[in-house]
């Protein structure tokens, strides 16, 4: 079983780089067009040149801002208002107090 481990690791890296390249927006791809990166990953994946090249140079990667965690909503920008659960939303809690007949 252990003799298959290198093959499985190469295959996993190959698939990860391929899917990552396909899911990356065109404006975040560096140095070459996205189609060329896909071809490089597929042609040179077995020897790890394509996937490693994509992961190192093909995509714009930004470090998270100081003290911030990655956004749980990938399509949203950091400055955009995030969804808040009702029990954490102050406006919602105030509206419950207004509707409560006991609070009068």
C-alpha atoms as a PDB file:
ATOM      1  CA  UNK A   1       0.000   0.000   0.000  1.00  0.00           C
ATOM      2  CA  UNK A   2       2.837   2.381   0.822  1.00  0.00           C
ATOM      3  CA  UNK A   3       4.260   2.068  -2.675  1.00  0.00           C
ATOM      4  CA  UNK A   4       1.123   3.790  -4.056  1.00  0.00           C
ATOM      5  CA  UNK A   5       1.476   6.806  -1.762  1.00  0.00           C
ATOM      6  CA  UNK A   6       3.781   8.873  -4.030  1.00  0.00           C
ATOM      7  CA  UNK A   7       1.494   8.281  -6.991  1.00  0.00           C
ATOM      8  CA  UNK A   8      -1.557   9.309  -4.959  1.00  0.00           C
ATOM      9  CA  UNK A   9       0.160  12.465  -3.676  1.00  0.00           C
ATOM     10  CA  UNK A  10       1.146  13.490  -7.202  1.00  0.00           C
ATOM     11  CA  UNK A  11      -2.390  12.802  -8.412  1.00  0.00           C
ATOM     12  CA  UNK A  12      -3.897  14.819  -5.552  1.00  0.00           C
ATOM     13  CA  UNK A  13      -1.630  17.806  -6.270  1.00  0.00           C
ATOM     14  CA  UNK A  14      -2.396  17.539  -9.967  1.00  0.00           C
ATOM     15  CA  UNK A  15      -6.153  17.558  -9.372  1.00  0.00           C
ATOM     16  CA  UNK A  16      -5.937  20.367  -6.803  1.00  0.00           C
ATOM     17  CA  UNK A  17      -3.940  22.624  -9.139  1.00  0.00           C
ATOM     18  CA  UNK A  18      -6.272  21.865 -12.058  1.00  0.00           C
ATOM     19  CA  UNK A  19      -9.443  22.655 -10.084  1.00  0.00           C
ATOM     20  CA  UNK A  20      -7.836  25.734  -8.511  1.00  0.00           C
ATOM     21  CA  UNK A  21      -6.887  27.032 -11.953  1.00  0.00           C
ATOM     22  CA  UNK A  22     -10.384  26.438 -13.321  1.00  0.00           C
ATOM     23  CA  UNK A  23     -12.006  28.228 -10.362  1.00  0.00           C
ATOM     24  CA  UNK A  24      -9.674  31.234 -10.425  1.00  0.00           C
ATOM     25  CA  UNK A  25     -11.153  34.348 -12.059  1.00  0.00           C
ATOM     26  CA  UNK A  26      -9.331  35.447 -15.207  1.00  0.00           C
ATOM     27  CA  UNK A  27      -8.237  38.757 -13.647  1.00  0.00           C
ATOM     28  CA  UNK A  28      -6.344  36.931 -10.863  1.00  0.00           C
ATOM     29  CA  UNK A  29      -4.274  34.786 -13.259  1.00  0.00           C
ATOM     30  CA  UNK A  30      -0.678  35.986 -13.693  1.00  0.00           C
ATOM     31  CA  UNK A  31       1.905  35.752 -16.477  1.00  0.00           C
ATOM     32  CA  UNK A  32      -0.077  33.603 -18.958  1.00  0.00           C
ATOM     33  CA  UNK A  33      -3.706  33.254 -20.089  1.00  0.00           C
ATOM     34  CA  UNK A  34      -5.810  30.849 -18.059  1.00  0.00           C
ATOM     35  CA  UNK A  35      -6.166  28.392 -20.969  1.00  0.00           C
ATOM     36  CA  UNK A  36      -2.382  28.122 -21.261  1.00  0.00           C
ATOM     37  CA  UNK A  37      -2.114  27.422 -17.510  1.00  0.00           C
ATOM     38  CA  UNK A  38      -4.687  24.629 -17.815  1.00  0.00           C
ATOM     39  CA  UNK A  39      -2.695  23.068 -20.670  1.00  0.00           C
ATOM     40  CA  UNK A  40       0.581  23.361 -18.720  1.00  0.00           C
ATOM     41  CA  UNK A  41      -0.999  21.733 -15.655  1.00  0.00           C
ATOM     42  CA  UNK A  42      -2.427  18.885 -17.692  1.00  0.00           C
ATOM     43  CA  UNK A  43       0.682  18.245 -19.817  1.00  0.00           C
ATOM     44  CA  UNK A  44       3.297  18.557 -17.082  1.00  0.00           C
ATOM     45  CA  UNK A  45       1.278  17.312 -14.110  1.00  0.00           C
ATOM     46  CA  UNK A  46       2.843  13.893 -13.920  1.00  0.00           C
ATOM     47  CA  UNK A  47       6.292  15.350 -13.272  1.00  0.00           C
ATOM     48  CA  UNK A  48       4.867  18.040 -10.935  1.00  0.00           C
ATOM     49  CA  UNK A  49       6.235  20.925 -13.035  1.00  0.00           C
ATOM     50  CA  UNK A  50       2.808  22.197 -14.121  1.00  0.00           C
ATOM     51  CA  UNK A  51       1.008  22.097 -10.758  1.00  0.00           C
ATOM     52  CA  UNK A  52       3.970  23.521  -8.838  1.00  0.00           C
ATOM     53  CA  UNK A  53       4.422  26.313 -11.406  1.00  0.00           C
ATOM     54  CA  UNK A  54       0.717  27.191 -11.084  1.00  0.00           C
ATOM     55  CA  UNK A  55       0.794  27.219  -7.297  1.00  0.00           C
ATOM     56  CA  UNK A  56       3.976  29.287  -7.139  1.00  0.00           C
ATOM     57  CA  UNK A  57       3.513  31.842  -9.928  1.00  0.00           C
ATOM     58  CA  UNK A  58       0.194  31.423 -11.686  1.00  0.00           C
ATOM     59  CA  UNK A  59      -2.262  32.989  -9.254  1.00  0.00           C
ATOM     60  CA  UNK A  60      -2.310  36.240  -7.343  1.00  0.00           C
ATOM     61  CA  UNK A  61      -2.149  35.233  -3.686  1.00  0.00           C
ATOM     62  CA  UNK A  62      -2.681  37.781  -0.956  1.00  0.00           C
ATOM     63  CA  UNK A  63      -1.846  37.399   2.681  1.00  0.00           C
ATOM     64  CA  UNK A  64      -4.776  38.034   5.012  1.00  0.00           C
ATOM     65  CA  UNK A  65      -4.888  41.470   6.567  1.00  0.00           C
ATOM     66  CA  UNK A  66      -3.403  41.749  10.040  1.00  0.00           C
ATOM     67  CA  UNK A  67      -5.762  40.331  12.634  1.00  0.00           C
ATOM     68  CA  UNK A  68      -8.358  39.161  10.149  1.00  0.00           C
ATOM     69  CA  UNK A  69      -9.532  35.735   9.217  1.00  0.00           C
ATOM     70  CA  UNK A  70     -10.342  34.684   5.647  1.00  0.00           C
ATOM     71  CA  UNK A  71     -13.820  35.678   4.571  1.00  0.00           C
ATOM     72  CA  UNK A  72     -16.415  32.907   5.025  1.00  0.00           C
ATOM     73  CA  UNK A  73     -18.115  34.279   1.895  1.00  0.00           C
ATOM     74  CA  UNK A  74     -15.630  33.923  -1.002  1.00  0.00           C
ATOM     75  CA  UNK A  75     -17.510  36.240  -3.363  1.00  0.00           C
ATOM     76  CA  UNK A  76     -17.743  39.119  -0.905  1.00  0.00           C
ATOM     77  CA  UNK A  77     -15.258  41.884  -0.341  1.00  0.00           C
ATOM     78  CA  UNK A  78     -13.889  42.552   3.123  1.00  0.00           C
ATOM     79  CA  UNK A  79     -15.660  45.895   3.395  1.00  0.00           C
ATOM     80  CA  UNK A  80     -19.085  44.494   2.513  1.00  0.00           C
ATOM     81  CA  UNK A  81     -21.638  43.929   5.248  1.00  0.00           C
ATOM     82  CA  UNK A  82     -21.734  40.306   6.286  1.00  0.00           C
ATOM     83  CA  UNK A  83     -24.844  38.354   7.204  1.00  0.00           C
ATOM     84  CA  UNK A  84     -25.486  38.311  10.933  1.00  0.00           C
ATOM     85  CA  UNK A  85     -27.483  35.654  12.748  1.00  0.00           C
ATOM     86  CA  UNK A  86     -30.819  36.994  14.093  1.00  0.00           C
ATOM     87  CA  UNK A  87     -29.869  36.494  17.734  1.00  0.00           C
ATOM     88  CA  UNK A  88     -26.718  38.602  17.160  1.00  0.00           C
ATOM     89  CA  UNK A  89     -28.438  41.344  15.172  1.00  0.00           C
ATOM     90  CA  UNK A  90     -29.238  44.381  17.393  1.00  0.00           C
ATOM     91  CA  UNK A  91     -31.905  45.709  15.012  1.00  0.00           C
ATOM     92  CA  UNK A  92     -33.749  42.393  15.085  1.00  0.00           C
ATOM     93  CA  UNK A  93     -33.625  42.241  18.887  1.00  0.00           C
ATOM     94  CA  UNK A  94     -34.984  45.814  19.117  1.00  0.00           C
ATOM     95  CA  UNK A  95     -37.840  44.882  16.787  1.00  0.00           C
ATOM     96  CA  UNK A  96     -38.765  42.006  19.115  1.00  0.00           C
ATOM     97  CA  UNK A  97     -38.974  44.419  22.049  1.00  0.00           C
ATOM     98  CA  UNK A  98     -41.344  46.678  20.035  1.00  0.00           C
ATOM     99  CA  UNK A  99     -43.661  43.769  19.219  1.00  0.00           C
ATOM    100  CA  UNK A 100     -43.727  42.418  22.779  1.00  0.00           C
ATOM    101  CA  UNK A 101     -46.944  43.564  24.586  1.00  0.00           C
ATOM    102  CA  UNK A 102     -45.305  42.954  27.995  1.00  0.00           C
ATOM    103  CA  UNK A 103     -42.710  45.667  27.384  1.00  0.00           C
ATOM    104  CA  UNK A 104     -45.346  48.464  27.367  1.00  0.00           C
END
